Amino acid sequence: MDKEMLEALRAMFKEELKAELEPIKADIKEIKNKMDSVYDQTADLTEFRTETKQGISDIQRNLNTMELVTSKNWNDIAQLKSIK
């Protein structure tokens, strides 16, 4: 009799445990999906950051070149004015 009662309790407990685990499993699956989204967004943002840094470097280089050319032009203008 005790054995039958233990088996019945074990079966009940197993069913209750299974019922409680289902929502937890669903939550874990949802979290995994969200983590995949986070990984994808992180990859996109990393690529964007790299492209932005490269763009800023290009702009700085172009600005330095423009300053050098402007400086040379001012020197040329000063020389032309002194010739007058």
PDB file of N, CA and C in Angstrom:
ATOM      1  N   MET A   1       0.822  -1.190   0.000  1.00  0.00           N
ATOM      2  CA  MET A   1       0.000   0.000   0.000  1.00  0.00           C
ATOM      3  C   MET A   1       0.867   1.256   0.000  1.00  0.00           C
ATOM      4  N   ASP A   2       1.887   1.251   0.845  1.00  0.00           N
ATOM      5  CA  ASP A   2       2.788   2.406   0.879  1.00  0.00           C
ATOM      6  C   ASP A   2       3.476   2.609  -0.469  1.00  0.00           C
ATOM      7  N   LYS A   3       3.817   1.508  -1.097  1.00  0.00           N
ATOM      8  CA  LYS A   3       4.480   1.590  -2.393  1.00  0.00           C
ATOM      9  C   LYS A   3       3.546   2.203  -3.433  1.00  0.00           C
ATOM     10  N   GLU A   4       2.282   1.811  -3.412  1.00  0.00           N
ATOM     11  CA  GLU A   4       1.309   2.358  -4.351  1.00  0.00           C
ATOM     12  C   GLU A   4       1.102   3.847  -4.107  1.00  0.00           C
ATOM     13  N   MET A   5       1.061   4.212  -2.831  1.00  0.00           N
ATOM     14  CA  MET A   5       0.865   5.619  -2.476  1.00  0.00           C
ATOM     15  C   MET A   5       2.075   6.445  -2.925  1.00  0.00           C
ATOM     16  N   LEU A   6       3.256   5.903  -2.714  1.00  0.00           N
ATOM     17  CA  LEU A   6       4.475   6.602  -3.144  1.00  0.00           C
ATOM     18  C   LEU A   6       4.499   6.774  -4.663  1.00  0.00           C
ATOM     19  N   GLU A   7       4.107   5.743  -5.381  1.00  0.00           N
ATOM     20  CA  GLU A   7       4.060   5.829  -6.843  1.00  0.00           C
ATOM     21  C   GLU A   7       3.054   6.881  -7.291  1.00  0.00           C
ATOM     22  N   ALA A   8       1.896   6.925  -6.625  1.00  0.00           N
ATOM     23  CA  ALA A   8       0.868   7.909  -6.964  1.00  0.00           C
ATOM     24  C   ALA A   8       1.377   9.317  -6.679  1.00  0.00           C
ATOM     25  N   LEU A   9       2.025   9.498  -5.536  1.00  0.00           N
ATOM     26  CA  LEU A   9       2.595  10.809  -5.182  1.00  0.00           C
ATOM     27  C   LEU A   9       3.689  11.209  -6.166  1.00  0.00           C
ATOM     28  N   ARG A  10       4.519  10.250  -6.523  1.00  0.00           N
ATOM     29  CA  ARG A  10       5.609  10.516  -7.466  1.00  0.00           C
ATOM     30  C   ARG A  10       5.042  10.947  -8.819  1.00  0.00           C
ATOM     31  N   ALA A  11       4.010  10.252  -9.284  1.00  0.00           N
ATOM     32  CA  ALA A  11       3.387  10.594 -10.560  1.00  0.00           C
ATOM     33  C   ALA A  11       2.764  11.986 -10.492  1.00  0.00           C
ATOM     34  N   MET A  12       2.087  12.298  -9.374  1.00  0.00           N
ATOM     35  CA  MET A  12       1.485  13.622  -9.205  1.00  0.00           C
ATOM     36  C   MET A  12       2.556  14.708  -9.203  1.00  0.00           C
ATOM     37  N   PHE A  13       3.607  14.446  -8.445  1.00  0.00           N
ATOM     38  CA  PHE A  13       4.696  15.415  -8.349  1.00  0.00           C
ATOM     39  C   PHE A  13       5.344  15.628  -9.716  1.00  0.00           C
ATOM     40  N   LYS A  14       5.519  14.538 -10.452  1.00  0.00           N
ATOM     41  CA  LYS A  14       6.136  14.616 -11.767  1.00  0.00           C
ATOM     42  C   LYS A  14       5.285  15.466 -12.711  1.00  0.00           C
ATOM     43  N   GLU A  15       3.969  15.280 -12.677  1.00  0.00           N
ATOM     44  CA  GLU A  15       3.069  16.062 -13.527  1.00  0.00           C
ATOM     45  C   GLU A  15       3.087  17.533 -13.142  1.00  0.00           C
ATOM     46  N   GLU A  16       3.069  17.807 -11.828  1.00  0.00           N
ATOM     47  CA  GLU A  16       3.112  19.200 -11.369  1.00  0.00           C
ATOM     48  C   GLU A  16       4.422  19.855 -11.774  1.00  0.00           C
ATOM     49  N   LEU A  17       5.492  19.116 -11.598  1.00  0.00           N
ATOM     50  CA  LEU A  17       6.808  19.642 -11.963  1.00  0.00           C
ATOM     51  C   LEU A  17       6.872  19.931 -13.461  1.00  0.00           C
ATOM     52  N   LYS A  18       6.343  19.012 -14.249  1.00  0.00           N
ATOM     53  CA  LYS A  18       6.329  19.188 -15.699  1.00  0.00           C
ATOM     54  C   LYS A  18       5.515  20.423 -16.081  1.00  0.00           C
ATOM     55  N   ALA A  19       4.373  20.598 -15.431  1.00  0.00           N
ATOM     56  CA  ALA A  19       3.512  21.748 -15.719  1.00  0.00           C
ATOM     57  C   ALA A  19       4.201  23.058 -15.347  1.00  0.00           C
ATOM     58  N   GLU A  20       4.961  23.044 -14.267  1.00  0.00           N
ATOM     59  CA  GLU A  20       5.662  24.262 -13.850  1.00  0.00           C
ATOM     60  C   GLU A  20       6.889  24.539 -14.712  1.00  0.00           C
ATOM     61  N   LEU A  21       7.475  23.503 -15.264  1.00  0.00           N
ATOM     62  CA  LEU A  21       8.671  23.688 -16.087  1.00  0.00           C
ATOM     63  C   LEU A  21       8.357  24.220 -17.482  1.00  0.00           C
ATOM     64  N   GLU A  22       7.183  23.950 -18.003  1.00  0.00           N
ATOM     65  CA  GLU A  22       6.831  24.393 -19.350  1.00  0.00           C
ATOM     66  C   GLU A  22       6.960  25.908 -19.524  1.00  0.00           C
ATOM     67  N   PRO A  23       6.370  26.727 -18.626  1.00  0.00           N
ATOM     68  CA  PRO A  23       6.540  28.183 -18.795  1.00  0.00           C
ATOM     69  C   PRO A  23       8.003  28.617 -18.669  1.00  0.00           C
ATOM     70  N   ILE A  24       8.744  27.930 -17.816  1.00  0.00           N
ATOM     71  CA  ILE A  24      10.162  28.273 -17.645  1.00  0.00           C
ATOM     72  C   ILE A  24      10.923  27.982 -18.938  1.00  0.00           C
ATOM     73  N   LYS A  25      10.623  26.843 -19.547  1.00  0.00           N
ATOM     74  CA  LYS A  25      11.270  26.506 -20.818  1.00  0.00           C
ATOM     75  C   LYS A  25      10.913  27.526 -21.896  1.00  0.00           C
ATOM     76  N   ALA A  26       9.646  27.947 -21.909  1.00  0.00           N
ATOM     77  CA  ALA A  26       9.216  28.951 -22.892  1.00  0.00           C
ATOM     78  C   ALA A  26       9.949  30.270 -22.659  1.00  0.00           C
ATOM     79  N   ASP A  27      10.107  30.643 -21.389  1.00  0.00           N
ATOM     80  CA  ASP A  27      10.830  31.878 -21.067  1.00  0.00           C
ATOM     81  C   ASP A  27      12.286  31.790 -21.506  1.00  0.00           C
ATOM     82  N   ILE A  28      12.904  30.646 -21.285  1.00  0.00           N
ATOM     83  CA  ILE A  28      14.305  30.460 -21.688  1.00  0.00           C
ATOM     84  C   ILE A  28      14.437  30.579 -23.206  1.00  0.00           C
ATOM     85  N   LYS A  29      13.485  29.988 -23.922  1.00  0.00           N
ATOM     86  CA  LYS A  29      13.518  30.075 -25.385  1.00  0.00           C
ATOM     87  C   LYS A  29      13.383  31.524 -25.838  1.00  0.00           C
ATOM     88  N   GLU A  30      12.490  32.267 -25.187  1.00  0.00           N
ATOM     89  CA  GLU A  30      12.297  33.679 -25.525  1.00  0.00           C
ATOM     90  C   GLU A  30      13.565  34.484 -25.236  1.00  0.00           C
ATOM     91  N   ILE A  31      14.199  34.190 -24.113  1.00  0.00           N
ATOM     92  CA  ILE A  31      15.447  34.882 -23.753  1.00  0.00           C
ATOM     93  C   ILE A  31      16.531  34.576 -24.783  1.00  0.00           C
ATOM     94  N   LYS A  32      16.619  33.328 -25.219  1.00  0.00           N
ATOM     95  CA  LYS A  32      17.613  32.971 -26.237  1.00  0.00           C
ATOM     96  C   LYS A  32      17.369  33.741 -27.532  1.00  0.00           C
ATOM     97  N   ASN A  33      16.101  33.857 -27.926  1.00  0.00           N
ATOM     98  CA  ASN A  33      15.778  34.618 -29.140  1.00  0.00           C
ATOM     99  C   ASN A  33      16.174  36.080 -28.986  1.00  0.00           C
ATOM    100  N   LYS A  34      15.901  36.634 -27.809  1.00  0.00           N
ATOM    101  CA  LYS A  34      16.272  38.028 -27.573  1.00  0.00           C
ATOM    102  C   LYS A  34      17.786  38.195 -27.580  1.00  0.00           C
ATOM    103  N   MET A  35      18.504  37.226 -27.025  1.00  0.00           N
ATOM    104  CA  MET A  35      19.967  37.298 -27.021  1.00  0.00           C
ATOM    105  C   MET A  35      20.506  37.257 -28.450  1.00  0.00           C
ATOM    106  N   ASP A  36      19.897  36.441 -29.300  1.00  0.00           N
ATOM    107  CA  ASP A  36      20.312  36.408 -30.703  1.00  0.00           C
ATOM    108  C   ASP A  36      20.135  37.784 -31.334  1.00  0.00           C
ATOM    109  N   SER A  37      19.024  38.438 -31.005  1.00  0.00           N
ATOM    110  CA  SER A  37      18.786  39.790 -31.528  1.00  0.00           C
ATOM    111  C   SER A  37      19.843  40.759 -31.016  1.00  0.00           C
ATOM    112  N   VAL A  38      20.193  40.630 -29.745  1.00  0.00           N
ATOM    113  CA  VAL A  38      21.216  41.504 -29.155  1.00  0.00           C
ATOM    114  C   VAL A  38      22.559  41.274 -29.847  1.00  0.00           C
ATOM    115  N   TYR A  39      22.917  40.021 -30.104  1.00  0.00           N
ATOM    116  CA  TYR A  39      24.168  39.727 -30.806  1.00  0.00           C
ATOM    117  C   TYR A  39      24.172  40.358 -32.197  1.00  0.00           C
ATOM    118  N   ASP A  40      23.056  40.229 -32.910  1.00  0.00           N
ATOM    119  CA  ASP A  40      22.968  40.816 -34.254  1.00  0.00           C
ATOM    120  C   ASP A  40      23.101  42.334 -34.203  1.00  0.00           C
ATOM    121  N   GLN A  41      22.413  42.958 -33.255  1.00  0.00           N
ATOM    122  CA  GLN A  41      22.484  44.415 -33.138  1.00  0.00           C
ATOM    123  C   GLN A  41      23.889  44.860 -32.750  1.00  0.00           C
ATOM    124  N   THR A  42      24.533  44.095 -31.877  1.00  0.00           N
ATOM    125  CA  THR A  42      25.898  44.427 -31.463  1.00  0.00           C
ATOM    126  C   THR A  42      26.843  44.355 -32.662  1.00  0.00           C
ATOM    127  N   ALA A  43      26.673  43.343 -33.489  1.00  0.00           N
ATOM    128  CA  ALA A  43      27.512  43.224 -34.686  1.00  0.00           C
ATOM    129  C   ALA A  43      27.283  44.412 -35.617  1.00  0.00           C
ATOM    130  N   ASP A  44      26.016  44.783 -35.808  1.00  0.00           N
ATOM    131  CA  ASP A  44      25.708  45.936 -36.664  1.00  0.00           C
ATOM    132  C   ASP A  44      26.312  47.218 -36.104  1.00  0.00           C
ATOM    133  N   LEU A  45      26.190  47.409 -34.792  1.00  0.00           N
ATOM    134  CA  LEU A  45      26.723  48.624 -34.171  1.00  0.00           C
ATOM    135  C   LEU A  45      28.247  48.655 -34.228  1.00  0.00           C
ATOM    136  N   THR A  46      28.878  47.509 -34.088  1.00  0.00           N
ATOM    137  CA  THR A  46      30.337  47.445 -34.176  1.00  0.00           C
ATOM    138  C   THR A  46      30.792  47.825 -35.581  1.00  0.00           C
ATOM    139  N   GLU A  47      30.087  47.307 -36.580  1.00  0.00           N
ATOM    140  CA  GLU A  47      30.419  47.653 -37.965  1.00  0.00           C
ATOM    141  C   GLU A  47      30.195  49.147 -38.209  1.00  0.00           C
ATOM    142  N   PHE A  48      29.085  49.684 -37.706  1.00  0.00           N
ATOM    143  CA  PHE A  48      28.789  51.112 -37.860  1.00  0.00           C
ATOM    144  C   PHE A  48      29.874  51.953 -37.200  1.00  0.00           C
ATOM    145  N   ARG A  49      30.314  51.543 -36.006  1.00  0.00           N
ATOM    146  CA  ARG A  49      31.361  52.270 -35.279  1.00  0.00           C
ATOM    147  C   ARG A  49      32.656  52.289 -36.094  1.00  0.00           C
ATOM    148  N   THR A  50      33.014  51.151 -36.649  1.00  0.00           N
ATOM    149  CA  THR A  50      34.240  51.063 -37.448  1.00  0.00           C
ATOM    150  C   THR A  50      34.151  51.972 -38.672  1.00  0.00           C
ATOM    151  N   GLU A  51      33.011  51.922 -39.357  1.00  0.00           N
ATOM    152  CA  GLU A  51      32.832  52.770 -40.539  1.00  0.00           C
ATOM    153  C   GLU A  51      32.854  54.247 -40.166  1.00  0.00           C
ATOM    154  N   THR A  52      32.247  54.591 -39.038  1.00  0.00           N
ATOM    155  CA  THR A  52      32.211  55.987 -38.595  1.00  0.00           C
ATOM    156  C   THR A  52      33.610  56.478 -38.246  1.00  0.00           C
ATOM    157  N   LYS A  53      34.376  55.648 -37.529  1.00  0.00           N
ATOM    158  CA  LYS A  53      35.745  56.040 -37.188  1.00  0.00           C
ATOM    159  C   LYS A  53      36.577  56.248 -38.449  1.00  0.00           C
ATOM    160  N   GLN A  54      36.399  55.373 -39.437  1.00  0.00           N
ATOM    161  CA  GLN A  54      37.139  55.515 -40.692  1.00  0.00           C
ATOM    162  C   GLN A  54      36.731  56.798 -41.399  1.00  0.00           C
ATOM    163  N   GLY A  55      35.438  57.089 -41.393  1.00  0.00           N
ATOM    164  CA  GLY A  55      34.947  58.317 -42.026  1.00  0.00           C
ATOM    165  C   GLY A  55      35.510  59.554 -41.357  1.00  0.00           C
ATOM    166  N   ILE A  56      35.563  59.547 -40.039  1.00  0.00           N
ATOM    167  CA  ILE A  56      36.114  60.691 -39.300  1.00  0.00           C
ATOM    168  C   ILE A  56      37.597  60.854 -39.611  1.00  0.00           C
ATOM    169  N   SER A  57      38.323  59.746 -39.696  1.00  0.00           N
ATOM    170  CA  SER A  57      39.749  59.818 -40.048  1.00  0.00           C
ATOM    171  C   SER A  57      39.930  60.418 -41.437  1.00  0.00           C
ATOM    172  N   ASP A  58      39.082  60.003 -42.371  1.00  0.00           N
ATOM    173  CA  ASP A  58      39.158  60.553 -43.733  1.00  0.00           C
ATOM    174  C   ASP A  58      38.881  62.053 -43.726  1.00  0.00           C
ATOM    175  N   ILE A  59      37.879  62.475 -42.972  1.00  0.00           N
ATOM    176  CA  ILE A  59      37.547  63.903 -42.884  1.00  0.00           C
ATOM    177  C   ILE A  59      38.711  64.679 -42.284  1.00  0.00           C
ATOM    178  N   GLN A  60      39.344  64.141 -41.233  1.00  0.00           N
ATOM    179  CA  GLN A  60      40.486  64.818 -40.613  1.00  0.00           C
ATOM    180  C   GLN A  60      41.637  64.955 -41.603  1.00  0.00           C
ATOM    181  N   ARG A  61      41.899  63.883 -42.361  1.00  0.00           N
ATOM    182  CA  ARG A  61      42.968  63.934 -43.356  1.00  0.00           C
ATOM    183  C   ARG A  61      42.669  64.982 -44.426  1.00  0.00           C
ATOM    184  N   ASN A  62      41.430  64.992 -44.897  1.00  0.00           N
ATOM    185  CA  ASN A  62      41.040  65.978 -45.915  1.00  0.00           C
ATOM    186  C   ASN A  62      41.138  67.400 -45.377  1.00  0.00           C
ATOM    187  N   LEU A  63      40.746  67.591 -44.127  1.00  0.00           N
ATOM    188  CA  LEU A  63      40.822  68.918 -43.515  1.00  0.00           C
ATOM    189  C   LEU A  63      42.280  69.363 -43.384  1.00  0.00           C
ATOM    190  N   ASN A  64      43.164  68.464 -42.986  1.00  0.00           N
ATOM    191  CA  ASN A  64      44.589  68.798 -42.893  1.00  0.00           C
ATOM    192  C   ASN A  64      45.147  69.179 -44.262  1.00  0.00           C
ATOM    193  N   THR A  65      44.765  68.425 -45.289  1.00  0.00           N
ATOM    194  CA  THR A  65      45.213  68.737 -46.650  1.00  0.00           C
ATOM    195  C   THR A  65      44.701  70.103 -47.076  1.00  0.00           C
ATOM    196  N   MET A  66      43.436  70.370 -46.772  1.00  0.00           N
ATOM    197  CA  MET A  66      42.844  71.655 -47.138  1.00  0.00           C
ATOM    198  C   MET A  66      43.558  72.806 -46.422  1.00  0.00           C
ATOM    199  N   GLU A  67      43.917  72.616 -45.163  1.00  0.00           N
ATOM    200  CA  GLU A  67      44.636  73.659 -44.425  1.00  0.00           C
ATOM    201  C   GLU A  67      46.008  73.912 -45.041  1.00  0.00           C
ATOM    202  N   LEU A  68      46.695  72.840 -45.458  1.00  0.00           N
ATOM    203  CA  LEU A  68      48.005  73.009 -46.097  1.00  0.00           C
ATOM    204  C   LEU A  68      47.879  73.763 -47.420  1.00  0.00           C
ATOM    205  N   VAL A  69      46.889  73.395 -48.218  1.00  0.00           N
ATOM    206  CA  VAL A  69      46.685  74.064 -49.506  1.00  0.00           C
ATOM    207  C   VAL A  69      46.315  75.525 -49.280  1.00  0.00           C
ATOM    208  N   THR A  70      45.459  75.786 -48.293  1.00  0.00           N
ATOM    209  CA  THR A  70      45.065  77.167 -47.987  1.00  0.00           C
ATOM    210  C   THR A  70      46.280  77.980 -47.551  1.00  0.00           C
ATOM    211  N   SER A  71      47.125  77.371 -46.746  1.00  0.00           N
ATOM    212  CA  SER A  71      48.335  78.056 -46.289  1.00  0.00           C
ATOM    213  C   SER A  71      49.234  78.402 -47.482  1.00  0.00           C
ATOM    214  N   LYS A  72      49.413  77.448 -48.385  1.00  0.00           N
ATOM    215  CA  LYS A  72      50.231  77.703 -49.573  1.00  0.00           C
ATOM    216  C   LYS A  72      49.607  78.819 -50.423  1.00  0.00           C
ATOM    217  N   ASN A  73      48.280  78.790 -50.559  1.00  0.00           N
ATOM    218  CA  ASN A  73      47.602  79.832 -51.338  1.00  0.00           C
ATOM    219  C   ASN A  73      47.815  81.206 -50.706  1.00  0.00           C
ATOM    220  N   TRP A  74      47.738  81.286 -49.386  1.00  0.00           N
ATOM    221  CA  TRP A  74      47.966  82.572 -48.712  1.00  0.00           C
ATOM    222  C   TRP A  74      49.390  83.062 -48.960  1.00  0.00           C
ATOM    223  N   ASN A  75      50.338  82.136 -48.944  1.00  0.00           N
ATOM    224  CA  ASN A  75      51.727  82.512 -49.240  1.00  0.00           C
ATOM    225  C   ASN A  75      51.851  83.032 -50.670  1.00  0.00           C
ATOM    226  N   ASP A  76      51.203  82.333 -51.595  1.00  0.00           N
ATOM    227  CA  ASP A  76      51.235  82.782 -52.998  1.00  0.00           C
ATOM    228  C   ASP A  76      50.591  84.157 -53.143  1.00  0.00           C
ATOM    229  N   ILE A  77      49.476  84.378 -52.460  1.00  0.00           N
ATOM    230  CA  ILE A  77      48.791  85.677 -52.515  1.00  0.00           C
ATOM    231  C   ILE A  77      49.691  86.770 -51.943  1.00  0.00           C
ATOM    232  N   ALA A  78      50.359  86.466 -50.827  1.00  0.00           N
ATOM    233  CA  ALA A  78      51.255  87.455 -50.217  1.00  0.00           C
ATOM    234  C   ALA A  78      52.398  87.788 -51.168  1.00  0.00           C
ATOM    235  N   GLN A  79      52.951  86.797 -51.849  1.00  0.00           N
ATOM    236  CA  GLN A  79      54.033  87.044 -52.807  1.00  0.00           C
ATOM    237  C   GLN A  79      53.543  87.891 -53.980  1.00  0.00           C
ATOM    238  N   LEU A  80      52.357  87.590 -54.470  1.00  0.00           N
ATOM    239  CA  LEU A  80      51.805  88.363 -55.589  1.00  0.00           C
ATOM    240  C   LEU A  80      51.552  89.811 -55.173  1.00  0.00           C
ATOM    241  N   LYS A  81      51.074  90.013 -53.948  1.00  0.00           N
ATOM    242  CA  LYS A  81      50.830  91.379 -53.468  1.00  0.00           C
ATOM    243  C   LYS A  81      52.144  92.136 -53.305  1.00  0.00           C
ATOM    244  N   SER A  82      53.191  91.445 -52.907  1.00  0.00           N
ATOM    245  CA  SER A  82      54.468  92.131 -52.691  1.00  0.00           C
ATOM    246  C   SER A  82      55.114  92.535 -54.013  1.00  0.00           C
ATOM    247  N   ILE A  83      54.757  91.853 -55.089  1.00  0.00           N
ATOM    248  CA  ILE A  83      55.309  92.176 -56.402  1.00  0.00           C
ATOM    249  C   ILE A  83      54.755  93.500 -56.906  1.00  0.00           C
ATOM    250  N   LYS A  84      53.547  93.838 -56.586  1.00  0.00           N
ATOM    251  CA  LYS A  84      52.910  95.074 -57.045  1.00  0.00           C
ATOM    252  C   LYS A  84      53.754  96.236 -56.790  1.00  0.00           C
TER     253      LYS A  84
END
